[in-house]
Amino acid sequence: MSEARPQIRGGFWLRTAAMLIKEFIQLRRDRVSFAMIIMIPLVQLMLFGYAINTNPRHLPTAVLLQEESDIGRSIVKALENTEYFEVTHRVSDEAEFNRLLASGAVLFAIEIPANFERAVRRGDRPALLVAADATDPVAAGSAMAALGQLVATALQHDRDIPNPAPAAFEIRTHSRYNPAGTTALNIVPGLVGTILTMTMLIFTALSVTREIERGTMESLLAMPITPIEIMLGKIVPYIIVGFVQASLIIGIGIGLFGVPLIGSLALLAALSTLFITTNLSIGYTFSTLAQNQLQAMQMSMMFFLPNILLSGFMFPFAGMPGWAQWVGEMLPLTHYLRIVRSIMLKGSTLADLRFDTLALGGLTLIAMTIAVTRFRRTLD
C-alpha cells in the first residue's frame, strides 16, 4: 500500500490558502505575465474607446476641376462641410485622377466637368462624377450616402440658379474595384495578412525559448555557427511554410469566393515573402526577449492585438484619429493589407505600392537588426 500524503495542519481551507499565496508569489515574480494582465485590458479599452470608429469621416478625396468656377468651388466647399470628405489632392487630368485611386492615396475622386456652371445656370442638370474606392465597403458606404444631401444644399446660397434649386445637378457614382460591395472581396485578402501575422509570430517567438527550455541551446552554441546563421536557419523554413499558407488562402479565395486577381501574381508572391520575413523577424526578437515559451506567446498576442485592430482589417483605417493612424503605419499588417487588396482587386503595380513596399522593407531591416543584436546578447 502507498504511504499517505503528509497533511498540513488546519485542514482544507489552510492548505488552499497556502497554495493561493504560493501562486500569487509566483505570478509576482513573472513580471511579463503580470504586465500582460494589466496591459491587455488597458490597450483594448483605449483602442475601442478612442481609435475605433465604424462611421469614418474626413476621408481623403481628390478633386478634378475641369474649369474654375464659383459653382465648382461651392460644391467642393459643400463636400468638405459634410465632414465625410477631406480634399487632399487637386488634380489636373484623369491620369492622375485614376492613379491616386489605384495607389490608395485617396478613397474618393470627384470630377466637375467642363461647362458645368454654364449647364447649371441653363437648367440642364449636368452630372457630377464621383468615383469611390469600394475595396472597403464600410469606409465608402456612409460617405456615399451623404452625397444625396449635397444636391439639395451645395447651391442653396447661389443666385441665378433656375428652379427647382435642389435639382440643379445630379451625382453619378461609380464604385470601383468592388461595385457590388461584396464583403468577401474585402475580407478574404485581409485574412491572408491576418493569418500570416498570427502564425508567423507564434512559430518564431517560440523558437529560441523552446531551445533554451529543452536544453538544446548548448548544443547549438558548441557548433561552429554564427548567430546570423542560426537565425536564418530558423527563419527560412517558416518563410516556406508562410508561403504555402498564403497560396492556400488565396487559392481558396479565388476558387471558392470568387475573389479576382487582377494584378501580377509574381509581385504578390514577392511582397508576401517580404511580409512573412518581417513578421518572422519580429517573432524572433520576441523569442530573444522572453524567458520562457509562455512569455513569448504573451508578447506575440500583445503585438497581434493592435495589428488586427489598427491595420484596417476589422475597422476602416481612414476613420481612425491621427495618432491611431500613426501607430497603424508602424505595423506591418497595415502595409500588407493595402498591398494584397490593391494587387488583387485593383491590379496595382509596384510603382503604385512603393510607399508600402519601402515601409515593409524598413520594418524588416529594423526587426532583423534588433533580433541579431538580442540573440548575440543571449549567447553572451
Protein backbone atom coordinates (compact mmCIF):
# COMPACT_ATOMS: atom_id res chain seq x y z
CA MET A 1 0.00 0.00 0.00
CA SER A 2 1.18 3.52 -0.81
CA GLU A 3 2.08 5.83 2.03
CA ALA A 4 -0.43 8.53 2.91
CA ARG A 5 0.48 12.10 1.88
CA PRO A 6 1.57 14.36 4.76
CA GLN A 7 -1.26 16.74 5.67
CA ILE A 8 -0.79 20.40 6.58
CA ARG A 9 -2.40 21.26 9.87
CA GLY A 10 -5.52 23.37 9.72
CA GLY A 11 -7.49 21.36 7.23
CA PHE A 12 -8.81 22.13 3.75
CA TRP A 13 -9.01 25.94 3.92
CA LEU A 14 -5.49 26.42 5.28
CA ARG A 15 -4.00 24.20 2.59
CA THR A 16 -5.96 26.05 -0.12
CA ALA A 17 -4.84 29.43 1.26
CA ALA A 18 -1.21 28.27 1.26
CA MET A 19 -1.50 27.23 -2.38
CA LEU A 20 -3.19 30.53 -3.28
CA ILE A 21 -0.40 32.58 -1.65
CA LYS A 22 2.23 30.49 -3.42
CA GLU A 23 0.56 31.14 -6.80
CA PHE A 24 0.42 34.92 -6.21
CA ILE A 25 4.10 34.94 -5.26
CA GLN A 26 4.96 33.07 -8.45
CA LEU A 27 2.82 35.46 -10.51
CA ARG A 28 4.57 38.45 -8.95
CA ARG A 29 7.95 37.00 -9.91
CA ASP A 30 6.82 36.55 -13.53
CA ARG A 31 6.80 40.25 -14.37
CA VAL A 32 5.99 39.78 -18.05
CA SER A 33 2.80 37.81 -17.30
CA PHE A 34 1.82 40.32 -14.62
CA ALA A 35 2.34 43.21 -17.06
CA MET A 36 0.20 41.46 -19.69
CA ILE A 37 -2.63 41.05 -17.18
CA ILE A 38 -2.67 44.84 -16.76
CA MET A 39 -1.79 45.93 -20.29
CA ILE A 40 -4.11 43.82 -22.44
CA PRO A 41 -7.40 45.18 -21.00
CA LEU A 42 -5.97 48.72 -20.96
CA VAL A 43 -4.90 48.51 -24.60
CA GLN A 44 -8.26 47.08 -25.64
CA LEU A 45 -10.11 49.81 -23.71
CA MET A 46 -8.02 52.59 -25.24
CA LEU A 47 -8.28 51.24 -28.78
CA PHE A 48 -12.01 50.57 -28.73
CA GLY A 49 -12.74 53.77 -26.83
CA TYR A 50 -10.63 56.23 -28.80
CA ALA A 51 -9.29 54.68 -32.01
CA ILE A 52 -12.12 52.58 -33.44
CA ASN A 53 -14.78 54.37 -35.45
CA THR A 54 -17.24 52.48 -37.65
CA ASN A 55 -18.55 55.73 -39.17
CA PRO A 56 -15.38 57.21 -40.68
CA ARG A 57 -15.17 60.88 -41.59
CA HIS A 58 -12.62 63.18 -43.23
CA LEU A 59 -11.86 60.61 -45.91
CA PRO A 60 -9.07 61.56 -48.35
CA THR A 61 -10.56 62.88 -51.58
CA ALA A 62 -9.16 64.08 -54.89
CA VAL A 63 -10.96 66.74 -56.95
CA LEU A 64 -10.61 67.26 -60.69
CA LEU A 65 -11.98 70.67 -61.70
CA GLN A 66 -12.17 70.82 -65.49
CA GLU A 67 -12.91 74.52 -65.12
CA GLU A 68 -12.55 77.06 -62.33
CA SER A 69 -15.96 78.47 -61.42
CA ASP A 70 -17.92 79.78 -58.46
CA ILE A 71 -20.30 76.82 -58.58
CA GLY A 72 -17.40 74.35 -58.67
CA ARG A 73 -15.84 75.95 -55.58
CA SER A 74 -19.22 75.95 -53.82
CA ILE A 75 -19.63 72.23 -54.44
CA VAL A 76 -16.12 71.47 -53.16
CA LYS A 77 -16.82 73.51 -50.02
CA ALA A 78 -20.14 71.72 -49.53
CA LEU A 79 -18.34 68.39 -49.84
CA GLU A 80 -15.97 69.32 -47.04
CA ASN A 81 -18.83 70.64 -44.91
CA THR A 82 -20.37 67.16 -44.83
CA GLU A 83 -17.25 66.16 -42.80
CA TYR A 84 -17.12 62.88 -44.72
CA PHE A 85 -14.74 64.21 -47.37
CA GLU A 86 -11.40 65.94 -46.97
CA VAL A 87 -9.91 67.28 -50.19
CA THR A 88 -6.26 66.24 -50.02
CA HIS A 89 -5.43 66.40 -53.74
CA ARG A 90 -6.43 68.73 -56.56
CA VAL A 91 -5.58 67.04 -59.83
CA SER A 92 -5.28 68.39 -63.35
CA ASP A 93 -6.02 65.34 -65.53
CA GLU A 94 -7.76 61.98 -65.49
CA ALA A 95 -4.50 60.00 -65.45
CA GLU A 96 -3.58 61.42 -62.04
CA PHE A 97 -7.22 61.01 -61.00
CA ASN A 98 -7.03 57.26 -61.70
CA ARG A 99 -3.51 56.84 -60.29
CA LEU A 100 -4.48 58.25 -56.89
CA LEU A 101 -7.39 55.80 -56.64
CA ALA A 102 -5.27 52.85 -57.74
CA SER A 103 -2.49 53.62 -55.25
CA GLY A 104 -4.93 54.05 -52.36
CA ALA A 105 -3.81 57.63 -51.72
CA VAL A 106 -7.49 58.70 -51.84
CA LEU A 107 -10.76 56.88 -51.29
CA PHE A 108 -12.83 59.21 -53.46
CA ALA A 109 -12.16 61.11 -56.69
CA ILE A 110 -14.66 63.75 -57.78
CA GLU A 111 -14.76 65.28 -61.25
CA ILE A 112 -16.58 68.50 -62.06
CA PRO A 113 -16.65 68.53 -65.89
CA ALA A 114 -16.08 71.42 -68.23
CA ASN A 115 -19.01 73.81 -68.84
CA PHE A 116 -20.61 72.58 -65.59
CA GLU A 117 -21.53 76.08 -64.34
CA ARG A 118 -22.99 77.08 -67.70
CA ALA A 119 -25.16 73.95 -67.79
CA VAL A 120 -26.39 74.54 -64.23
CA ARG A 121 -27.42 78.12 -64.94
CA ARG A 122 -29.23 76.99 -68.08
CA GLY A 123 -31.15 74.39 -66.07
CA ASP A 124 -29.68 71.39 -67.93
CA ARG A 125 -28.98 69.39 -64.74
CA PRO A 126 -25.38 68.35 -65.54
CA ALA A 127 -23.78 65.36 -63.82
CA LEU A 128 -21.12 65.47 -61.12
CA LEU A 129 -18.92 62.36 -61.34
CA VAL A 130 -17.85 60.56 -58.15
CA ALA A 131 -15.52 57.54 -58.24
CA ALA A 132 -15.20 55.64 -54.97
CA ASP A 133 -12.65 53.04 -53.88
CA ALA A 134 -15.05 50.32 -52.75
CA THR A 135 -12.43 47.78 -51.67
CA ASP A 136 -13.58 48.66 -48.14
CA PRO A 137 -17.39 48.94 -48.40
CA VAL A 138 -17.76 50.09 -44.78
CA ALA A 139 -15.49 53.11 -45.27
CA ALA A 140 -17.19 54.15 -48.51
CA GLY A 141 -20.82 53.45 -47.55
CA SER A 142 -21.56 56.33 -45.17
CA ALA A 143 -19.81 58.89 -47.34
CA MET A 144 -21.69 57.75 -50.44
CA ALA A 145 -24.97 58.13 -48.56
CA ALA A 146 -24.03 61.70 -47.60
CA LEU A 147 -23.73 62.63 -51.26
CA GLY A 148 -27.52 62.59 -51.54
CA GLN A 149 -27.74 65.71 -49.38
CA LEU A 150 -25.16 67.51 -51.48
CA VAL A 151 -27.55 68.15 -54.38
CA ALA A 152 -30.00 69.89 -52.07
CA THR A 153 -27.54 72.01 -50.07
CA ALA A 154 -24.49 72.78 -52.23
CA LEU A 155 -26.01 75.65 -54.24
CA GLN A 156 -28.77 76.87 -51.97
CA HIS A 157 -27.00 80.22 -51.41
CA ASP A 158 -26.04 80.78 -55.04
CA ARG A 159 -28.14 83.17 -57.08
CA ASP A 160 -29.38 82.80 -60.63
CA ILE A 161 -29.98 79.05 -60.27
CA PRO A 162 -33.19 78.01 -62.03
CA ASN A 163 -35.94 76.32 -60.06
CA PRO A 164 -36.15 73.75 -58.70
CA ALA A 165 -32.87 74.62 -56.96
CA PRO A 166 -32.41 71.26 -55.17
CA ALA A 167 -32.20 69.52 -58.56
CA ALA A 168 -29.72 71.91 -60.18
CA PHE A 169 -27.39 68.99 -60.92
CA GLU A 170 -27.15 65.25 -60.40
CA ILE A 171 -24.48 62.95 -58.99
CA ARG A 172 -23.30 59.87 -60.83
CA THR A 173 -21.38 57.49 -58.61
CA HIS A 174 -19.09 54.71 -59.69
CA SER A 175 -17.90 52.21 -57.07
CA ARG A 176 -14.61 50.94 -58.41
CA TYR A 177 -12.91 47.59 -57.69
CA ASN A 178 -15.91 46.17 -55.82
CA PRO A 179 -19.08 47.57 -57.44
CA ALA A 180 -21.45 45.19 -55.66
CA GLY A 181 -19.92 45.89 -52.24
CA THR A 182 -19.24 42.17 -51.69
CA THR A 183 -17.77 41.68 -48.22
CA ALA A 184 -15.72 38.62 -49.24
CA LEU A 185 -13.68 40.73 -51.66
CA ASN A 186 -12.54 42.82 -48.71
CA ILE A 187 -12.25 40.14 -46.04
CA VAL A 188 -10.52 37.28 -47.89
CA PRO A 189 -7.42 39.27 -48.98
CA GLY A 190 -7.25 40.70 -45.46
CA LEU A 191 -7.32 37.21 -43.97
CA VAL A 192 -4.09 36.39 -45.81
CA GLY A 193 -2.23 39.02 -43.83
CA THR A 194 -4.02 38.36 -40.55
CA ILE A 195 -3.40 34.60 -40.55
CA LEU A 196 0.22 35.04 -41.62
CA THR A 197 0.81 37.58 -38.85
CA MET A 198 -0.58 35.29 -36.16
CA THR A 199 1.11 32.06 -37.26
CA MET A 200 4.50 33.52 -38.20
CA LEU A 201 4.78 35.43 -34.91
CA ILE A 202 3.90 32.40 -32.80
CA PHE A 203 6.13 29.97 -34.72
CA THR A 204 9.28 32.04 -34.36
CA ALA A 205 8.54 33.57 -30.95
CA LEU A 206 8.78 30.06 -29.53
CA SER A 207 11.93 29.06 -31.44
CA VAL A 208 14.74 30.28 -29.15
CA THR A 209 12.83 29.84 -25.89
CA ARG A 210 12.00 26.26 -26.90
CA GLU A 211 15.70 25.52 -27.42
CA ILE A 212 16.56 27.01 -24.03
CA GLU A 213 13.81 25.15 -22.15
CA ARG A 214 14.74 21.82 -23.77
CA GLY A 215 18.43 22.34 -23.07
CA THR A 216 19.42 22.06 -26.73
CA MET A 217 20.76 25.62 -26.99
CA GLU A 218 24.10 24.49 -25.54
CA SER A 219 24.47 22.04 -28.41
CA LEU A 220 23.87 24.83 -30.92
CA LEU A 221 26.41 27.07 -29.21
CA ALA A 222 29.01 24.31 -29.32
CA MET A 223 28.70 24.11 -33.11
CA PRO A 224 30.88 26.28 -35.41
CA ILE A 225 27.95 28.53 -36.40
CA THR A 226 27.30 32.27 -36.10
CA PRO A 227 24.19 33.96 -34.64
CA ILE A 228 23.06 35.19 -38.06
CA GLU A 229 23.38 31.64 -39.46
CA ILE A 230 21.31 30.26 -36.58
CA MET A 231 18.70 32.96 -37.17
CA LEU A 232 18.47 32.34 -40.91
CA GLY A 233 18.35 28.59 -40.35
CA LYS A 234 15.34 29.02 -38.08
CA ILE A 235 13.54 31.63 -40.19
CA VAL A 236 13.86 30.26 -43.76
CA PRO A 237 11.77 27.09 -43.16
CA TYR A 238 8.94 29.22 -41.83
CA ILE A 239 9.15 31.51 -44.87
CA ILE A 240 8.32 28.44 -46.94
CA VAL A 241 5.51 27.50 -44.51
CA GLY A 242 4.09 31.01 -44.70
CA PHE A 243 4.26 31.00 -48.49
CA VAL A 244 2.29 27.74 -48.56
CA GLN A 245 -0.30 29.25 -46.19
CA ALA A 246 -0.67 32.37 -48.33
CA SER A 247 -1.02 30.29 -51.51
CA LEU A 248 -3.69 28.14 -49.87
CA ILE A 249 -5.77 31.11 -48.66
CA ILE A 250 -5.51 33.00 -51.95
CA GLY A 251 -6.32 29.88 -53.95
CA ILE A 252 -9.43 29.16 -51.88
CA GLY A 253 -10.45 32.82 -52.04
CA ILE A 254 -10.25 32.82 -55.85
CA GLY A 255 -11.85 29.40 -56.36
CA LEU A 256 -14.50 29.42 -53.66
CA PHE A 257 -15.36 33.07 -53.05
CA GLY A 258 -14.69 34.49 -56.50
CA VAL A 259 -12.07 37.00 -55.38
CA PRO A 260 -10.32 38.31 -58.52
CA LEU A 261 -6.57 38.50 -59.05
CA ILE A 262 -6.23 41.41 -61.42
CA GLY A 263 -2.60 42.30 -60.73
CA SER A 264 0.68 40.44 -61.03
CA LEU A 265 0.89 37.10 -59.21
CA ALA A 266 4.71 37.37 -59.17
CA LEU A 267 4.53 40.78 -57.47
CA LEU A 268 2.04 39.47 -54.92
CA ALA A 269 4.32 36.49 -54.19
CA ALA A 270 7.41 38.68 -53.78
CA LEU A 271 5.74 41.18 -51.44
CA SER A 272 4.07 38.38 -49.48
CA THR A 273 7.52 36.86 -48.91
CA LEU A 274 8.75 40.24 -47.67
CA PHE A 275 5.80 40.50 -45.28
CA ILE A 276 6.39 36.96 -43.98
CA THR A 277 10.06 37.80 -43.36
CA THR A 278 9.05 40.93 -41.44
CA ASN A 279 6.80 39.01 -39.06
CA LEU A 280 9.34 36.22 -38.61
CA SER A 281 11.99 38.78 -37.65
CA ILE A 282 9.67 40.38 -35.11
CA GLY A 283 8.73 36.99 -33.69
CA TYR A 284 12.40 36.05 -33.45
CA THR A 285 13.04 39.26 -31.50
CA PHE A 286 10.32 38.28 -29.03
CA SER A 287 11.94 34.86 -28.61
CA THR A 288 15.21 36.52 -27.55
CA LEU A 289 13.42 38.80 -25.07
CA ALA A 290 11.23 36.13 -23.43
CA GLN A 291 12.50 33.86 -20.66
CA ASN A 292 10.09 31.02 -21.46
CA GLN A 293 7.54 29.96 -24.07
CA LEU A 294 4.60 31.42 -22.13
CA GLN A 295 6.16 34.87 -22.16
CA ALA A 296 6.97 34.55 -25.85
CA MET A 297 3.33 33.67 -26.58
CA GLN A 298 2.11 36.61 -24.49
CA MET A 299 4.36 39.06 -26.33
CA SER A 300 3.15 37.73 -29.66
CA MET A 301 -0.50 38.18 -28.74
CA MET A 302 0.19 41.65 -27.35
CA PHE A 303 1.70 42.62 -30.72
CA PHE A 304 -1.04 40.88 -32.70
CA LEU A 305 -3.84 42.80 -30.95
CA PRO A 306 -3.04 46.30 -32.31
CA ASN A 307 -2.21 44.76 -35.69
CA ILE A 308 -5.70 43.38 -36.13
CA LEU A 309 -7.45 46.47 -34.71
CA LEU A 310 -5.40 49.34 -36.20
CA SER A 311 -4.43 47.94 -39.61
CA GLY A 312 -7.78 48.44 -41.34
CA PHE A 313 -8.72 44.76 -41.29
CA MET A 314 -11.68 44.99 -38.89
CA PHE A 315 -12.38 48.73 -38.92
CA PRO A 316 -11.85 51.45 -41.56
CA PHE A 317 -8.31 52.82 -41.29
CA ALA A 318 -9.31 56.24 -42.61
CA GLY A 319 -11.86 56.63 -39.79
CA MET A 320 -9.26 56.44 -37.02
CA PRO A 321 -7.86 59.54 -35.31
CA GLY A 322 -4.45 60.79 -36.39
CA TRP A 323 -2.48 59.24 -33.52
CA ALA A 324 -4.03 55.82 -34.19
CA GLN A 325 -3.14 56.08 -37.88
CA TRP A 326 0.46 56.90 -36.94
CA VAL A 327 0.58 53.77 -34.77
CA GLY A 328 -1.02 51.76 -37.58
CA GLU A 329 1.64 52.93 -40.04
CA MET A 330 4.29 51.31 -37.83
CA LEU A 331 2.58 47.90 -38.05
CA PRO A 332 3.47 45.56 -40.94
CA LEU A 333 -0.09 44.29 -41.37
CA THR A 334 -1.31 47.79 -42.30
CA HIS A 335 1.00 47.96 -45.29
CA TYR A 336 0.43 44.38 -46.39
CA LEU A 337 -3.36 44.77 -46.36
CA ARG A 338 -3.01 47.69 -48.77
CA ILE A 339 -0.65 45.65 -50.92
CA VAL A 340 -2.71 42.47 -51.16
CA ARG A 341 -6.03 44.28 -51.69
CA SER A 342 -4.55 46.63 -54.28
CA ILE A 343 -2.88 43.88 -56.31
CA MET A 344 -5.84 41.50 -56.21
CA LEU A 345 -8.69 43.97 -56.63
CA LYS A 346 -7.15 46.97 -58.40
CA GLY A 347 -4.29 45.50 -60.40
CA SER A 348 -1.85 47.96 -58.81
CA THR A 349 1.82 47.87 -59.80
CA LEU A 350 4.99 48.21 -57.74
CA ALA A 351 5.08 51.92 -58.60
CA ASP A 352 1.63 52.34 -57.03
CA LEU A 353 2.73 50.42 -53.91
CA ARG A 354 6.23 51.80 -53.48
CA PHE A 355 5.47 53.51 -50.14
CA ASP A 356 4.07 50.37 -48.51
CA THR A 357 6.86 48.23 -50.00
CA LEU A 358 9.54 50.55 -48.61
CA ALA A 359 7.77 50.60 -45.24
CA LEU A 360 7.78 46.78 -45.07
CA GLY A 361 11.44 46.71 -46.09
CA GLY A 362 12.34 49.22 -43.39
CA LEU A 363 10.42 47.33 -40.71
CA THR A 364 12.16 44.09 -41.77
CA LEU A 365 15.59 45.70 -41.52
CA ILE A 366 14.86 47.14 -38.07
CA ALA A 367 13.41 43.87 -36.74
CA MET A 368 16.32 41.79 -38.08
CA THR A 369 18.88 44.16 -36.57
CA ILE A 370 17.23 44.00 -33.16
CA ALA A 371 16.84 40.21 -33.38
CA VAL A 372 20.52 39.59 -34.21
CA THR A 373 21.69 42.04 -31.53
CA ARG A 374 19.47 40.47 -28.89
CA PHE A 375 20.48 36.94 -29.88
CA ARG A 376 24.17 37.79 -29.52
CA ARG A 377 23.49 39.10 -26.03
CA THR A 378 21.62 35.87 -25.26
CA LEU A 379 24.70 33.89 -26.29
CA ASP A 380 26.92 36.05 -24.10
